């Protein structure tokens, strides 16, 4: 296990503004949340992303959040991430969260990123 703190961790390679501009960050509201049936660390989330079509994502935050406590919360997601199957469930995006230590660290905290005030699902984050 690493004892490296978030401020000491290695930064990822520099990208161009054009690379960053490809990322579609949006506000989404969690409408349903349940433990992933085939993974101990994942939560399966149903989201209102403002599109009129429900969106499902799977997030590795089960060690830090109870599913029932997430319903009704607004979060920030990467809306244009290609779908990926995680233990049999398709995830259509990724939520954004901050952590203070590497995965597996005993003293790791994970905090979901969310807007400071209420704003409609689908709102663009820039």
Protein backbone atom coordinates (compact mmCIF):
# COMPACT_ATOMS: atom_id res chain seq x y z
CA UNK A 1 0.00 0.00 0.00
CA UNK A 2 1.13 3.48 -0.80
CA UNK A 3 1.39 6.17 1.84
CA UNK A 4 1.48 8.84 -0.86
CA UNK A 5 -1.00 11.69 -0.32
CA UNK A 6 -3.08 13.23 -3.08
CA UNK A 7 -0.81 16.28 -3.19
CA UNK A 8 2.23 14.02 -3.63
CA UNK A 9 0.70 11.78 -6.28
CA UNK A 10 1.96 11.86 -9.82
CA UNK A 11 0.10 14.11 -12.21
CA UNK A 12 -1.18 12.72 -15.49
CA UNK A 13 0.39 13.85 -18.77
CA UNK A 14 -0.45 17.30 -20.05
CA UNK A 15 -3.23 17.48 -22.63
CA UNK A 16 -4.17 20.23 -25.05
CA UNK A 17 -7.21 22.46 -24.66
CA UNK A 18 -8.69 20.70 -27.71
CA UNK A 19 -8.38 17.36 -25.88
CA UNK A 20 -10.09 18.77 -22.80
CA UNK A 21 -12.85 20.37 -24.91
CA UNK A 22 -13.86 16.88 -26.08
CA UNK A 23 -15.01 15.97 -22.55
CA UNK A 24 -18.74 16.58 -21.99
CA UNK A 25 -19.20 17.30 -18.28
CA UNK A 26 -22.84 17.52 -17.19
CA UNK A 27 -24.93 17.72 -14.05
CA UNK A 28 -27.08 14.63 -13.41
CA UNK A 29 -29.52 13.79 -10.62
CA UNK A 30 -29.44 10.32 -9.08
CA UNK A 31 -32.95 8.85 -9.30
CA UNK A 32 -32.15 5.30 -8.13
CA UNK A 33 -29.16 3.63 -6.52
CA UNK A 34 -28.53 0.00 -5.58
CA UNK A 35 -25.59 -2.26 -4.89
CA UNK A 36 -24.19 -3.79 -8.07
CA UNK A 37 -25.32 -7.43 -8.07
CA UNK A 38 -21.92 -8.80 -9.11
CA UNK A 39 -19.37 -6.45 -7.53
CA UNK A 40 -18.72 -5.61 -3.89
CA UNK A 41 -17.34 -2.11 -4.52
CA UNK A 42 -19.74 -0.86 -7.21
CA UNK A 43 -23.06 0.95 -6.96
CA UNK A 44 -25.46 0.90 -9.90
CA UNK A 45 -26.94 4.37 -10.41
CA UNK A 46 -29.90 5.46 -12.53
CA UNK A 47 -29.59 9.11 -13.53
CA UNK A 48 -31.64 11.95 -14.96
CA UNK A 49 -29.12 13.64 -17.24
CA UNK A 50 -31.61 16.04 -18.79
CA UNK A 51 -31.84 14.10 -22.06
CA UNK A 52 -35.27 12.60 -21.32
CA UNK A 53 -33.78 9.09 -21.41
CA UNK A 54 -32.62 7.45 -18.16
CA UNK A 55 -28.88 6.80 -17.96
CA UNK A 56 -27.16 4.06 -15.97
CA UNK A 57 -23.65 4.30 -14.61
CA UNK A 58 -21.71 2.03 -12.28
CA UNK A 59 -19.44 3.73 -9.77
CA UNK A 60 -16.83 2.29 -7.43
CA UNK A 61 -18.00 4.22 -4.37
CA UNK A 62 -19.76 1.50 -2.35
CA UNK A 63 -17.06 1.53 0.34
CA UNK A 64 -17.81 5.23 0.93
CA UNK A 65 -21.54 5.71 0.31
CA UNK A 66 -24.77 3.83 1.01
CA UNK A 67 -26.89 3.61 -2.13
CA UNK A 68 -30.01 4.95 -0.39
CA UNK A 69 -28.12 8.09 0.70
CA UNK A 70 -27.31 8.99 -2.92
CA UNK A 71 -30.87 9.18 -4.29
CA UNK A 72 -31.84 12.76 -5.05
CA UNK A 73 -28.28 14.09 -5.12
CA UNK A 74 -26.91 16.05 -8.05
CA UNK A 75 -23.49 14.96 -9.32
CA UNK A 76 -21.14 15.76 -12.17
CA UNK A 77 -20.66 13.12 -14.85
CA UNK A 78 -18.57 12.56 -17.96
CA UNK A 79 -21.52 12.22 -20.33
CA UNK A 80 -19.68 11.27 -23.52
CA UNK A 81 -17.51 8.45 -22.19
CA UNK A 82 -17.95 5.35 -24.34
CA UNK A 83 -20.16 2.71 -22.63
CA UNK A 84 -18.32 -0.02 -20.73
CA UNK A 85 -19.59 -3.26 -19.23
CA UNK A 86 -18.60 -3.64 -15.59
CA UNK A 87 -19.31 -7.11 -14.18
CA UNK A 88 -22.30 -7.60 -16.46
CA UNK A 89 -23.84 -4.11 -16.16
CA UNK A 90 -23.37 -1.41 -18.79
CA UNK A 91 -22.10 1.93 -17.52
CA UNK A 92 -22.90 4.92 -19.75
CA UNK A 93 -20.53 7.49 -18.29
CA UNK A 94 -18.58 8.18 -15.14
CA UNK A 95 -19.22 10.28 -12.08
CA UNK A 96 -16.55 12.66 -10.86
CA UNK A 97 -15.14 12.27 -7.36
CA UNK A 98 -12.08 13.43 -5.48
CA UNK A 99 -9.94 11.29 -3.20
CA UNK A 100 -7.10 12.05 -0.84
CA UNK A 101 -5.14 8.79 -1.25
CA UNK A 102 -4.52 5.97 -3.68
CA UNK A 103 -7.02 3.13 -4.10
CA UNK A 104 -6.57 0.52 -1.41
CA UNK A 105 -5.27 2.96 1.18
CA UNK A 106 -6.84 2.44 4.62
CA UNK A 107 -7.29 6.17 5.21
CA UNK A 108 -8.72 7.03 1.79
CA UNK A 109 -11.71 9.36 1.59
CA UNK A 110 -13.83 9.77 -1.53
CA UNK A 111 -16.03 12.82 -2.11
CA UNK A 112 -18.51 13.12 -4.98
CA UNK A 113 -18.28 16.35 -6.95
CA UNK A 114 -21.55 18.23 -7.08
CA UNK A 115 -22.85 21.72 -7.81
CA UNK A 116 -23.00 24.14 -4.88
CA UNK A 117 -26.58 25.10 -5.76
CA UNK A 118 -29.49 23.33 -7.42
CA UNK A 119 -29.33 23.41 -11.21
CA UNK A 120 -31.23 21.39 -13.81
CA UNK A 121 -30.00 17.95 -14.86
CA UNK A 122 -28.16 18.23 -18.17
CA UNK A 123 -26.58 21.58 -17.31
CA UNK A 124 -23.12 21.88 -18.86
CA UNK A 125 -20.10 22.06 -16.57
CA UNK A 126 -17.35 24.26 -17.97
